[in-house]
N, C-alpha and C. Protein backbone atom coordinates (compact mmCIF):
# COMPACT_ATOMS: atom_id res chain seq x y z
N UNK A 1 -7.53 14.18 34.49
CA UNK A 1 -6.88 12.87 34.46
C UNK A 1 -6.00 12.77 33.23
N UNK A 2 -4.89 12.13 33.37
CA UNK A 2 -3.95 11.91 32.27
C UNK A 2 -4.01 10.45 31.86
N UNK A 3 -3.80 10.23 30.60
CA UNK A 3 -3.75 8.84 30.13
C UNK A 3 -2.29 8.38 30.15
N UNK A 4 -1.97 7.52 31.09
CA UNK A 4 -0.59 7.03 31.18
C UNK A 4 -0.49 5.55 30.85
N UNK A 5 -1.62 4.91 30.58
CA UNK A 5 -1.61 3.49 30.24
C UNK A 5 -1.35 3.36 28.75
N UNK A 6 -0.11 3.00 28.40
CA UNK A 6 0.26 2.90 26.99
C UNK A 6 1.36 1.87 26.82
N UNK A 7 1.58 1.47 25.59
CA UNK A 7 2.62 0.49 25.30
C UNK A 7 3.65 1.12 24.38
N UNK A 8 4.89 0.66 24.51
CA UNK A 8 5.97 1.17 23.67
C UNK A 8 6.66 0.00 22.98
N UNK A 9 7.19 0.25 21.79
CA UNK A 9 7.96 -0.77 21.07
C UNK A 9 8.96 -0.07 20.18
N UNK A 10 10.11 -0.73 19.99
CA UNK A 10 11.08 -0.15 19.06
C UNK A 10 10.84 -0.71 17.65
N UNK A 11 11.58 -0.20 16.69
CA UNK A 11 11.37 -0.56 15.29
C UNK A 11 11.64 -2.04 15.04
N UNK A 12 12.68 -2.59 15.67
CA UNK A 12 12.98 -4.02 15.48
C UNK A 12 11.83 -4.90 15.95
N UNK A 13 11.29 -4.59 17.12
CA UNK A 13 10.19 -5.38 17.65
C UNK A 13 8.98 -5.27 16.74
N UNK A 14 8.70 -4.06 16.24
CA UNK A 14 7.54 -3.84 15.35
C UNK A 14 7.70 -4.62 14.05
N UNK A 15 8.93 -4.74 13.55
CA UNK A 15 9.16 -5.52 12.35
C UNK A 15 8.89 -7.00 12.60
N UNK A 16 9.29 -7.49 13.77
CA UNK A 16 9.04 -8.89 14.12
C UNK A 16 7.56 -9.18 14.36
N UNK A 17 6.86 -8.19 14.89
CA UNK A 17 5.44 -8.36 15.25
C UNK A 17 4.61 -7.29 14.54
N UNK A 18 4.59 -7.35 13.23
CA UNK A 18 3.92 -6.29 12.46
C UNK A 18 2.41 -6.29 12.61
N UNK A 19 1.84 -7.37 13.11
CA UNK A 19 0.39 -7.43 13.28
C UNK A 19 -0.04 -7.21 14.73
N UNK A 20 0.91 -6.89 15.59
CA UNK A 20 0.61 -6.72 17.01
C UNK A 20 -0.33 -5.54 17.23
N UNK A 21 -1.23 -5.74 18.19
CA UNK A 21 -2.19 -4.68 18.54
C UNK A 21 -2.29 -4.61 20.05
N UNK A 22 -2.48 -3.40 20.57
CA UNK A 22 -2.67 -3.19 22.00
C UNK A 22 -4.12 -2.75 22.21
N UNK A 23 -4.78 -3.45 23.12
CA UNK A 23 -6.16 -3.11 23.45
C UNK A 23 -6.20 -2.59 24.88
N UNK A 24 -6.93 -1.52 25.10
CA UNK A 24 -7.07 -0.92 26.43
C UNK A 24 -8.42 -1.38 26.98
N UNK A 25 -8.37 -2.04 28.13
CA UNK A 25 -9.59 -2.52 28.78
C UNK A 25 -10.07 -1.48 29.78
N UNK A 26 -11.26 -1.68 30.28
CA UNK A 26 -11.84 -0.76 31.26
C UNK A 26 -11.11 -0.86 32.59
N UNK A 27 -10.93 0.26 33.24
CA UNK A 27 -10.28 0.30 34.56
C UNK A 27 -11.32 -0.04 35.62
N UNK A 28 -11.15 -1.20 36.25
CA UNK A 28 -12.09 -1.64 37.28
C UNK A 28 -11.28 -1.92 38.55
N UNK A 29 -11.59 -1.21 39.61
CA UNK A 29 -10.90 -1.43 40.88
C UNK A 29 -9.52 -0.78 40.94
N UNK A 30 -9.18 0.03 39.95
CA UNK A 30 -7.88 0.69 39.91
C UNK A 30 -8.03 1.94 39.06
N UNK A 31 -7.07 2.84 39.17
CA UNK A 31 -7.10 4.01 38.29
C UNK A 31 -6.27 3.77 37.02
N UNK A 32 -5.82 2.54 36.83
CA UNK A 32 -5.07 2.18 35.62
C UNK A 32 -5.90 1.21 34.77
N UNK A 33 -5.81 1.39 33.48
CA UNK A 33 -6.50 0.48 32.57
C UNK A 33 -5.57 -0.66 32.18
N UNK A 34 -6.04 -1.91 32.27
CA UNK A 34 -5.19 -3.01 31.83
C UNK A 34 -4.99 -2.98 30.31
N UNK A 35 -3.79 -3.33 29.89
CA UNK A 35 -3.47 -3.38 28.47
C UNK A 35 -3.35 -4.83 28.05
N UNK A 36 -3.92 -5.16 26.92
CA UNK A 36 -3.80 -6.51 26.38
C UNK A 36 -3.03 -6.40 25.08
N UNK A 37 -1.90 -7.12 25.00
CA UNK A 37 -1.05 -7.12 23.82
C UNK A 37 -1.33 -8.39 23.04
N UNK A 38 -1.81 -8.24 21.82
CA UNK A 38 -2.11 -9.37 20.95
C UNK A 38 -1.09 -9.39 19.83
N UNK A 39 -0.22 -10.41 19.81
CA UNK A 39 0.79 -10.52 18.74
C UNK A 39 0.39 -11.53 17.69
N UNK A 40 -0.77 -12.13 17.84
CA UNK A 40 -1.26 -13.11 16.88
C UNK A 40 -2.21 -12.45 15.89
N UNK A 41 -2.58 -13.20 14.89
CA UNK A 41 -3.57 -12.74 13.89
C UNK A 41 -4.87 -12.42 14.62
N UNK A 42 -5.46 -11.25 14.40
CA UNK A 42 -6.72 -10.93 15.07
C UNK A 42 -7.82 -11.91 14.65
N UNK A 43 -8.69 -12.24 15.59
CA UNK A 43 -9.79 -13.16 15.29
C UNK A 43 -10.75 -12.55 14.29
N UNK A 44 -11.13 -11.33 14.52
CA UNK A 44 -12.02 -10.63 13.59
C UNK A 44 -11.18 -9.71 12.74
N UNK A 45 -10.85 -10.17 11.56
CA UNK A 45 -9.98 -9.41 10.68
C UNK A 45 -10.72 -8.16 10.18
N UNK A 46 -10.16 -7.02 10.44
CA UNK A 46 -10.74 -5.76 10.01
C UNK A 46 -9.92 -5.28 8.82
N UNK A 47 -10.57 -5.13 7.68
CA UNK A 47 -9.87 -4.69 6.48
C UNK A 47 -9.48 -3.23 6.55
N UNK A 48 -8.46 -2.89 5.78
CA UNK A 48 -8.07 -1.48 5.71
C UNK A 48 -9.15 -0.71 4.97
N UNK A 49 -9.41 0.50 5.40
CA UNK A 49 -10.39 1.30 4.67
C UNK A 49 -9.86 1.63 3.27
N UNK A 50 -10.76 1.70 2.32
CA UNK A 50 -10.37 1.99 0.96
C UNK A 50 -9.93 3.44 0.84
N UNK A 51 -8.81 3.65 0.17
CA UNK A 51 -8.32 5.00 -0.10
C UNK A 51 -7.95 5.09 -1.57
N UNK A 52 -8.48 6.09 -2.23
CA UNK A 52 -8.12 6.32 -3.63
C UNK A 52 -6.74 6.99 -3.62
N UNK A 53 -5.79 6.35 -4.27
CA UNK A 53 -4.42 6.87 -4.29
C UNK A 53 -4.25 7.86 -5.43
N UNK A 54 -3.69 9.02 -5.13
CA UNK A 54 -3.56 10.08 -6.13
C UNK A 54 -2.70 9.68 -7.31
N UNK A 55 -1.71 8.80 -7.11
CA UNK A 55 -0.85 8.43 -8.24
C UNK A 55 -1.57 7.55 -9.24
N UNK A 56 -2.73 6.99 -8.89
CA UNK A 56 -3.48 6.17 -9.84
C UNK A 56 -3.86 6.97 -11.08
N UNK A 57 -4.17 8.25 -10.90
CA UNK A 57 -4.63 9.04 -12.04
C UNK A 57 -3.52 9.32 -13.06
N UNK A 58 -2.28 9.00 -12.70
CA UNK A 58 -1.19 9.16 -13.66
C UNK A 58 -1.21 8.04 -14.70
N UNK A 59 -2.03 7.03 -14.48
CA UNK A 59 -2.15 5.90 -15.40
C UNK A 59 -3.46 6.00 -16.17
N UNK A 60 -3.39 5.85 -17.48
CA UNK A 60 -4.58 5.92 -18.34
C UNK A 60 -5.57 4.80 -17.99
N UNK A 61 -5.04 3.65 -17.58
CA UNK A 61 -5.90 2.50 -17.26
C UNK A 61 -6.87 2.81 -16.12
N UNK A 62 -6.50 3.70 -15.22
CA UNK A 62 -7.36 4.04 -14.08
C UNK A 62 -8.68 4.60 -14.58
N UNK A 63 -8.60 5.50 -15.54
CA UNK A 63 -9.81 6.09 -16.11
C UNK A 63 -10.68 5.02 -16.75
N UNK A 64 -10.04 4.08 -17.43
CA UNK A 64 -10.78 2.99 -18.08
C UNK A 64 -11.49 2.11 -17.05
N UNK A 65 -10.81 1.81 -15.94
CA UNK A 65 -11.41 0.97 -14.89
C UNK A 65 -12.64 1.66 -14.32
N UNK A 66 -12.52 2.95 -14.02
CA UNK A 66 -13.65 3.70 -13.45
C UNK A 66 -14.79 3.82 -14.47
N UNK A 67 -14.46 4.17 -15.70
CA UNK A 67 -15.48 4.34 -16.75
C UNK A 67 -16.24 3.04 -16.99
N UNK A 68 -15.51 1.94 -17.07
CA UNK A 68 -16.13 0.64 -17.33
C UNK A 68 -17.09 0.26 -16.20
N UNK A 69 -16.65 0.45 -14.97
CA UNK A 69 -17.48 0.09 -13.82
C UNK A 69 -18.66 1.04 -13.67
N UNK A 70 -18.41 2.31 -13.86
CA UNK A 70 -19.46 3.31 -13.68
C UNK A 70 -20.51 3.23 -14.79
N UNK A 71 -20.11 2.74 -15.95
CA UNK A 71 -21.02 2.66 -17.09
C UNK A 71 -22.03 1.53 -17.02
N UNK A 72 -21.90 0.65 -16.05
CA UNK A 72 -22.83 -0.47 -15.93
C UNK A 72 -24.18 0.01 -15.41
N UNK A 73 -25.25 -0.55 -15.97
CA UNK A 73 -26.59 -0.18 -15.54
C UNK A 73 -26.93 -0.88 -14.24
N UNK A 74 -27.73 -0.23 -13.43
CA UNK A 74 -28.12 -0.80 -12.15
C UNK A 74 -29.62 -0.76 -11.97
N UNK A 75 -30.10 -1.63 -11.11
CA UNK A 75 -31.53 -1.66 -10.80
C UNK A 75 -31.73 -1.06 -9.42
N UNK A 76 -32.92 -0.53 -9.19
CA UNK A 76 -33.24 0.03 -7.90
C UNK A 76 -33.26 1.55 -7.95
N UNK A 77 -33.32 2.15 -6.78
CA UNK A 77 -33.37 3.61 -6.70
C UNK A 77 -32.05 4.20 -7.20
N UNK A 78 -32.09 5.50 -7.46
CA UNK A 78 -30.88 6.17 -7.95
C UNK A 78 -29.76 6.10 -6.90
N UNK A 79 -30.11 6.29 -5.63
CA UNK A 79 -29.10 6.25 -4.58
C UNK A 79 -28.51 4.85 -4.45
N UNK A 80 -29.35 3.83 -4.57
CA UNK A 80 -28.87 2.45 -4.50
C UNK A 80 -27.91 2.19 -5.67
N UNK A 81 -28.26 2.68 -6.84
CA UNK A 81 -27.42 2.50 -8.03
C UNK A 81 -26.07 3.19 -7.85
N UNK A 82 -26.08 4.41 -7.31
CA UNK A 82 -24.83 5.14 -7.07
C UNK A 82 -23.96 4.37 -6.08
N UNK A 83 -24.56 3.89 -4.99
CA UNK A 83 -23.80 3.13 -3.98
C UNK A 83 -23.22 1.86 -4.59
N UNK A 84 -24.01 1.18 -5.42
CA UNK A 84 -23.54 -0.05 -6.05
C UNK A 84 -22.38 0.25 -7.00
N UNK A 85 -22.45 1.35 -7.74
CA UNK A 85 -21.37 1.72 -8.65
C UNK A 85 -20.11 2.11 -7.88
N UNK A 86 -20.27 2.83 -6.77
CA UNK A 86 -19.12 3.20 -5.94
C UNK A 86 -18.44 1.94 -5.38
N UNK A 87 -19.25 1.00 -4.90
CA UNK A 87 -18.70 -0.25 -4.37
C UNK A 87 -17.97 -1.02 -5.48
N UNK A 88 -18.57 -1.05 -6.67
CA UNK A 88 -17.95 -1.72 -7.80
C UNK A 88 -16.64 -1.07 -8.20
N UNK A 89 -16.60 0.27 -8.22
CA UNK A 89 -15.37 1.00 -8.54
C UNK A 89 -14.29 0.67 -7.51
N UNK A 90 -14.67 0.66 -6.25
CA UNK A 90 -13.71 0.37 -5.19
C UNK A 90 -13.07 -1.00 -5.41
N UNK A 91 -13.90 -2.01 -5.64
CA UNK A 91 -13.38 -3.37 -5.81
C UNK A 91 -12.50 -3.48 -7.05
N UNK A 92 -12.95 -2.91 -8.16
CA UNK A 92 -12.16 -2.99 -9.41
C UNK A 92 -10.85 -2.23 -9.29
N UNK A 93 -10.88 -1.06 -8.63
CA UNK A 93 -9.65 -0.28 -8.45
C UNK A 93 -8.66 -1.01 -7.55
N UNK A 94 -9.15 -1.67 -6.51
CA UNK A 94 -8.26 -2.43 -5.63
C UNK A 94 -7.60 -3.58 -6.41
N UNK A 95 -8.39 -4.30 -7.21
CA UNK A 95 -7.84 -5.39 -8.03
C UNK A 95 -6.81 -4.86 -9.02
N UNK A 96 -7.19 -3.78 -9.71
CA UNK A 96 -6.31 -3.19 -10.72
C UNK A 96 -5.01 -2.71 -10.09
N UNK A 97 -5.11 -2.01 -8.96
CA UNK A 97 -3.93 -1.47 -8.29
C UNK A 97 -2.99 -2.59 -7.85
N UNK A 98 -3.58 -3.64 -7.31
CA UNK A 98 -2.77 -4.76 -6.84
C UNK A 98 -2.01 -5.42 -7.99
N UNK A 99 -2.69 -5.60 -9.12
CA UNK A 99 -2.02 -6.25 -10.26
C UNK A 99 -1.07 -5.29 -10.98
N UNK A 100 -1.41 -4.01 -11.03
CA UNK A 100 -0.60 -3.03 -11.76
C UNK A 100 0.64 -2.61 -10.97
N UNK A 101 0.47 -2.31 -9.68
CA UNK A 101 1.55 -1.73 -8.90
C UNK A 101 2.15 -2.69 -7.88
N UNK A 102 1.34 -3.57 -7.33
CA UNK A 102 1.85 -4.48 -6.30
C UNK A 102 2.40 -3.71 -5.12
N UNK A 103 3.50 -4.19 -4.59
CA UNK A 103 4.14 -3.56 -3.44
C UNK A 103 5.21 -2.59 -3.95
N UNK A 104 4.96 -1.30 -3.85
CA UNK A 104 5.89 -0.29 -4.38
C UNK A 104 7.26 -0.36 -3.73
N UNK A 105 7.30 -0.55 -2.42
CA UNK A 105 8.60 -0.59 -1.73
C UNK A 105 9.43 -1.78 -2.20
N UNK A 106 8.77 -2.91 -2.42
CA UNK A 106 9.47 -4.09 -2.92
C UNK A 106 9.98 -3.85 -4.34
N UNK A 107 9.15 -3.21 -5.17
CA UNK A 107 9.57 -2.90 -6.54
C UNK A 107 10.76 -1.94 -6.55
N UNK A 108 10.75 -0.96 -5.65
CA UNK A 108 11.86 -0.01 -5.56
C UNK A 108 13.14 -0.75 -5.18
N UNK A 109 13.05 -1.62 -4.18
CA UNK A 109 14.23 -2.37 -3.73
C UNK A 109 14.76 -3.28 -4.83
N UNK A 110 13.86 -3.95 -5.54
CA UNK A 110 14.26 -4.84 -6.63
C UNK A 110 14.93 -4.07 -7.75
N UNK A 111 14.35 -2.93 -8.11
CA UNK A 111 14.91 -2.10 -9.18
C UNK A 111 16.27 -1.56 -8.78
N UNK A 112 16.42 -1.17 -7.51
CA UNK A 112 17.72 -0.70 -7.01
C UNK A 112 18.78 -1.81 -7.13
N UNK A 113 18.39 -3.04 -6.77
CA UNK A 113 19.33 -4.16 -6.89
C UNK A 113 19.74 -4.39 -8.34
N UNK A 114 18.76 -4.33 -9.24
CA UNK A 114 19.05 -4.49 -10.67
C UNK A 114 19.99 -3.40 -11.16
N UNK A 115 19.73 -2.17 -10.73
CA UNK A 115 20.56 -1.04 -11.13
C UNK A 115 22.00 -1.21 -10.64
N UNK A 116 22.16 -1.67 -9.42
CA UNK A 116 23.51 -1.87 -8.88
C UNK A 116 24.26 -2.95 -9.67
N UNK A 117 23.55 -4.01 -10.06
CA UNK A 117 24.18 -5.07 -10.86
C UNK A 117 24.62 -4.54 -12.23
N UNK A 118 23.77 -3.75 -12.86
CA UNK A 118 24.09 -3.18 -14.17
C UNK A 118 25.28 -2.22 -14.04
N UNK A 119 25.29 -1.42 -12.98
CA UNK A 119 26.40 -0.48 -12.79
C UNK A 119 27.72 -1.21 -12.54
N UNK A 120 27.67 -2.37 -11.89
CA UNK A 120 28.88 -3.19 -11.73
C UNK A 120 29.38 -3.67 -13.09
N UNK A 121 28.45 -4.07 -13.97
CA UNK A 121 28.83 -4.52 -15.31
C UNK A 121 29.49 -3.39 -16.09
N UNK A 122 28.93 -2.19 -15.94
CA UNK A 122 29.47 -1.02 -16.65
C UNK A 122 30.88 -0.70 -16.15
N UNK A 123 31.11 -0.85 -14.85
CA UNK A 123 32.44 -0.59 -14.29
C UNK A 123 33.48 -1.57 -14.83
N UNK A 124 33.04 -2.78 -15.15
CA UNK A 124 33.96 -3.80 -15.65
C UNK A 124 34.33 -3.60 -17.11
N UNK A 125 33.60 -2.77 -17.80
CA UNK A 125 33.92 -2.52 -19.21
C UNK A 125 32.74 -1.91 -19.93
N UNK A 126 33.02 -1.18 -21.01
CA UNK A 126 31.98 -0.49 -21.76
C UNK A 126 31.04 -1.51 -22.41
N UNK A 127 29.76 -1.27 -22.24
CA UNK A 127 28.75 -2.13 -22.84
C UNK A 127 27.54 -1.25 -23.17
N UNK A 128 27.28 -1.01 -24.47
CA UNK A 128 26.17 -0.12 -24.83
C UNK A 128 24.81 -0.64 -24.36
N UNK A 129 24.64 -1.95 -24.33
CA UNK A 129 23.36 -2.51 -23.86
C UNK A 129 23.17 -2.24 -22.36
N UNK A 130 24.26 -2.37 -21.61
CA UNK A 130 24.19 -2.12 -20.17
C UNK A 130 23.91 -0.64 -19.89
N UNK A 131 24.48 0.25 -20.70
CA UNK A 131 24.21 1.69 -20.53
C UNK A 131 22.75 2.01 -20.79
N UNK A 132 22.19 1.38 -21.82
CA UNK A 132 20.77 1.60 -22.13
C UNK A 132 19.89 1.05 -21.02
N UNK A 133 20.26 -0.12 -20.50
CA UNK A 133 19.50 -0.72 -19.40
C UNK A 133 19.60 0.14 -18.14
N UNK A 134 20.79 0.69 -17.88
CA UNK A 134 20.97 1.57 -16.72
C UNK A 134 20.04 2.78 -16.82
N UNK A 135 20.02 3.39 -17.99
CA UNK A 135 19.16 4.57 -18.20
C UNK A 135 17.69 4.20 -17.99
N UNK A 136 17.29 3.05 -18.49
CA UNK A 136 15.91 2.58 -18.35
C UNK A 136 15.57 2.32 -16.89
N UNK A 137 16.49 1.69 -16.16
CA UNK A 137 16.25 1.40 -14.74
C UNK A 137 16.18 2.67 -13.91
N UNK A 138 17.00 3.65 -14.23
CA UNK A 138 16.97 4.93 -13.51
C UNK A 138 15.62 5.62 -13.73
N UNK A 139 15.14 5.59 -14.96
CA UNK A 139 13.83 6.19 -15.27
C UNK A 139 12.72 5.47 -14.52
N UNK A 140 12.79 4.13 -14.50
CA UNK A 140 11.79 3.33 -13.78
C UNK A 140 11.84 3.64 -12.29
N UNK A 141 13.03 3.77 -11.74
CA UNK A 141 13.21 4.06 -10.33
C UNK A 141 12.65 5.43 -9.97
N UNK A 142 12.92 6.41 -10.81
CA UNK A 142 12.37 7.76 -10.56
C UNK A 142 10.85 7.73 -10.57
N UNK A 143 10.27 6.97 -11.50
CA UNK A 143 8.81 6.85 -11.58
C UNK A 143 8.26 6.18 -10.30
N UNK A 144 8.93 5.12 -9.86
CA UNK A 144 8.49 4.43 -8.64
C UNK A 144 8.62 5.33 -7.42
N UNK A 145 9.70 6.09 -7.33
CA UNK A 145 9.87 7.03 -6.21
C UNK A 145 8.76 8.08 -6.21
N UNK A 146 8.43 8.58 -7.40
CA UNK A 146 7.37 9.58 -7.48
C UNK A 146 6.03 8.98 -7.03
N UNK A 147 5.72 7.78 -7.48
CA UNK A 147 4.48 7.12 -7.07
C UNK A 147 4.47 6.88 -5.56
N UNK A 148 5.60 6.46 -5.03
CA UNK A 148 5.69 6.20 -3.59
C UNK A 148 5.52 7.50 -2.80
N UNK A 149 6.07 8.59 -3.31
CA UNK A 149 5.90 9.89 -2.63
C UNK A 149 4.44 10.32 -2.65
N UNK A 150 3.76 10.07 -3.76
CA UNK A 150 2.35 10.43 -3.86
C UNK A 150 1.49 9.53 -2.97
N UNK A 151 1.95 8.29 -2.76
CA UNK A 151 1.24 7.34 -1.90
C UNK A 151 1.25 7.85 -0.47
């Protein structure tokens, strides 16, 4: 048997309905499975699984977050303590990452816009401050691109 019950969408539609999900129901009375398209917020919100991002280790603060959380004493069995420390590390790393990095793609776009504005200023006339800012923005952009590639 082949699975032919599927849904298709183009990039524009996916951007408009970024939370859309397709559910495949059981095939009853037919050899086709009914598809249910949900474009609304799911009733039971399922969080994304935690993933340790490799670019985090490029920041010294990451080691501090893990050390601080892991260094806390726990009660109970050794396995319970390890699980509690892992859960604590996960939560602290998620908080730290969100405050430290935020949305990388948005930061890249914002930095690109800033760079374009500075380059327009430079084209209008020599300005040593604008040249220094351009160099700084290029360095920041390269760093963001590297982090995004590692992500």
